[in-house]
Each structure stands twice: as C-alpha cells, then as structure tokens.
Amino acid sequence: MATEITDSNWEALVAGDKPVVIDFWAEWCGPCRAISPIVEEVAQEYADKVVIGKVNVDDNAKITIHFGIKNIPTLLFFKNGELTDKHVGAIRKPELIEKVNKLI
C-alpha cells in the first residue's frame, strides 16, 4: 500500500535510504483515480526497494507549493534525496515500472 505523505513527513521520507516516488492527487481528479490502482500495485510490488507515497493536494498545500505542482496527477521521483524525474498526467503501469527501475 502506498504511504500517506503529508506536509509534516515528506522531508524525512525523501531523505531516507530508499528511493521515493510521490504521487500528487486529489479525490475530485478523474485521471488521479484512474492511476491510483496502478500506483498501489507498484507500491506493493516494490515495497522492499522503493517508498511509493501519495500526497492529497487539497490537504497538503505546503509540499504541493514547494514543488510547484500545478497539474495532477504528478509523479515525482527521488534518489538520494534529489529529484531525478517528473511525470505529469496519467501513466501506464509499464511506464511507471520503467521509471521506478531507474531509481533502483
């Protein structure tokens, strides 16, 4: 299951030992709901290698503003605490897996 990422815990997660993928989403966002099962599947499949988390943009303005998120869904990819990739819009599972594998 994807980790809930909030304004208060994101810095510690990104600074951790594992690579991190953050999915910025909102309940009212159709494309966000469409990719949610994919994000959850990949989170389960890669649980021992990568932290995959979700940020509800309506509840976490600080992190949303910090990264300049203007469109959702947006996926951010971090390795060693550094932003390495960004994907805006819906994503298919093979594409997400390819991006996650690049982090490992």
Protein backbone atom coordinates (compact mmCIF):
# COMPACT_ATOMS: atom_id res chain seq x y z
CA MET A 1 0.00 0.00 0.00
CA ALA A 2 1.24 3.47 -0.82
CA THR A 3 2.45 5.57 2.11
CA GLU A 4 0.47 8.67 3.01
CA ILE A 5 2.80 11.62 2.57
CA THR A 6 1.96 14.88 4.30
CA ASP A 7 3.38 18.34 4.80
CA SER A 8 4.97 17.09 8.03
CA ASN A 9 6.58 13.79 6.97
CA TRP A 10 7.76 14.22 3.38
CA GLU A 11 11.21 15.60 4.15
CA ALA A 12 12.13 12.61 6.34
CA LEU A 13 10.87 10.14 3.72
CA VAL A 14 12.75 11.76 0.84
CA ALA A 15 15.94 11.93 2.93
CA GLY A 16 15.76 8.20 3.77
CA ASP A 17 17.82 5.37 2.31
CA LYS A 18 15.27 4.17 -0.25
CA PRO A 19 14.31 5.93 -3.47
CA VAL A 20 10.91 7.68 -3.26
CA VAL A 21 8.05 8.18 -5.71
CA ILE A 22 5.43 10.77 -4.74
CA ASP A 23 2.02 10.76 -6.43
CA PHE A 24 0.25 14.14 -6.10
CA TRP A 25 -3.51 13.58 -6.39
CA ALA A 26 -6.99 14.73 -5.32
CA GLU A 27 -10.27 12.87 -4.86
CA TRP A 28 -12.05 15.03 -7.47
CA CYS A 29 -9.39 14.27 -10.13
CA GLY A 30 -10.52 11.64 -12.64
CA PRO A 31 -7.05 10.80 -14.03
CA CYS A 32 -5.78 10.52 -10.42
CA ARG A 33 -8.45 7.94 -9.65
CA ALA A 34 -7.57 6.12 -12.88
CA ILE A 35 -3.89 5.67 -11.97
CA SER A 36 -4.47 5.02 -8.26
CA PRO A 37 -4.76 1.21 -8.66
CA ILE A 38 -1.54 1.21 -10.71
CA VAL A 39 0.31 3.22 -8.06
CA GLU A 40 -0.96 0.85 -5.35
CA GLU A 41 0.09 -2.25 -7.32
CA VAL A 42 3.59 -0.91 -7.91
CA ALA A 43 3.83 0.14 -4.25
CA GLN A 44 3.12 -3.45 -3.20
CA GLU A 45 5.43 -4.99 -5.80
CA TYR A 46 8.36 -2.72 -4.90
CA ALA A 47 7.71 -2.28 -1.16
CA ASP A 48 11.13 -3.62 -0.19
CA LYS A 49 13.03 -1.40 -2.66
CA VAL A 50 11.18 1.93 -3.06
CA VAL A 51 8.90 4.12 -0.95
CA ILE A 52 5.83 4.98 -3.02
CA GLY A 53 3.59 7.56 -1.44
CA LYS A 54 0.60 9.73 -2.19
CA VAL A 55 0.04 13.40 -1.39
CA ASN A 56 -3.51 14.72 -1.34
CA VAL A 57 -3.00 18.22 -2.75
CA ASP A 58 -6.16 19.52 -1.07
CA ASP A 59 -4.86 18.60 2.38
CA ASN A 60 -1.13 19.33 1.98
CA ALA A 61 -0.57 22.76 0.49
CA LYS A 62 2.99 23.17 1.81
CA ILE A 63 4.54 20.29 -0.14
CA THR A 64 2.33 20.98 -3.16
CA ILE A 65 3.52 24.59 -3.32
CA HIS A 66 7.13 23.62 -2.52
CA PHE A 67 7.30 21.50 -5.68
CA GLY A 68 5.20 23.87 -7.79
CA ILE A 69 2.53 21.27 -8.53
CA LYS A 70 0.02 22.88 -10.88
CA ASN A 71 -1.45 19.82 -12.62
CA ILE A 72 -2.42 16.45 -11.22
CA PRO A 73 -1.69 13.66 -11.25
CA THR A 74 2.00 14.49 -10.99
CA LEU A 75 4.60 11.90 -10.02
CA LEU A 76 7.97 12.97 -8.62
CA PHE A 77 10.91 10.56 -8.40
CA PHE A 78 13.70 10.98 -5.82
CA LYS A 79 17.00 9.19 -5.35
CA ASN A 80 19.45 10.05 -2.57
CA GLY A 81 17.19 12.94 -1.61
CA GLU A 82 17.42 14.53 -5.07
CA LEU A 83 14.57 14.98 -7.55
CA THR A 84 15.56 12.88 -10.58
CA ASP A 85 12.39 12.69 -12.69
CA LYS A 86 8.87 14.10 -13.02
CA HIS A 87 5.79 12.82 -14.84
CA VAL A 88 2.65 14.94 -15.28
CA GLY A 89 -0.61 13.25 -16.23
CA ALA A 90 -1.81 9.68 -16.29
CA ILE A 91 0.76 6.91 -16.62
CA ARG A 92 0.53 3.28 -17.67
CA LYS A 93 1.93 0.58 -15.39
CA PRO A 94 4.83 -0.42 -17.72
CA GLU A 95 5.95 3.23 -17.89
CA LEU A 96 5.77 3.61 -14.11
CA ILE A 97 7.71 0.39 -13.57
CA GLU A 98 10.39 1.57 -16.02
CA LYS A 99 10.78 4.84 -14.12
CA VAL A 100 10.87 3.04 -10.75
CA ASN A 101 13.51 0.59 -12.03
CA LYS A 102 15.72 3.55 -13.00
CA LEU A 103 15.70 4.62 -9.33
CA ILE A 104 16.91 1.28 -8.01
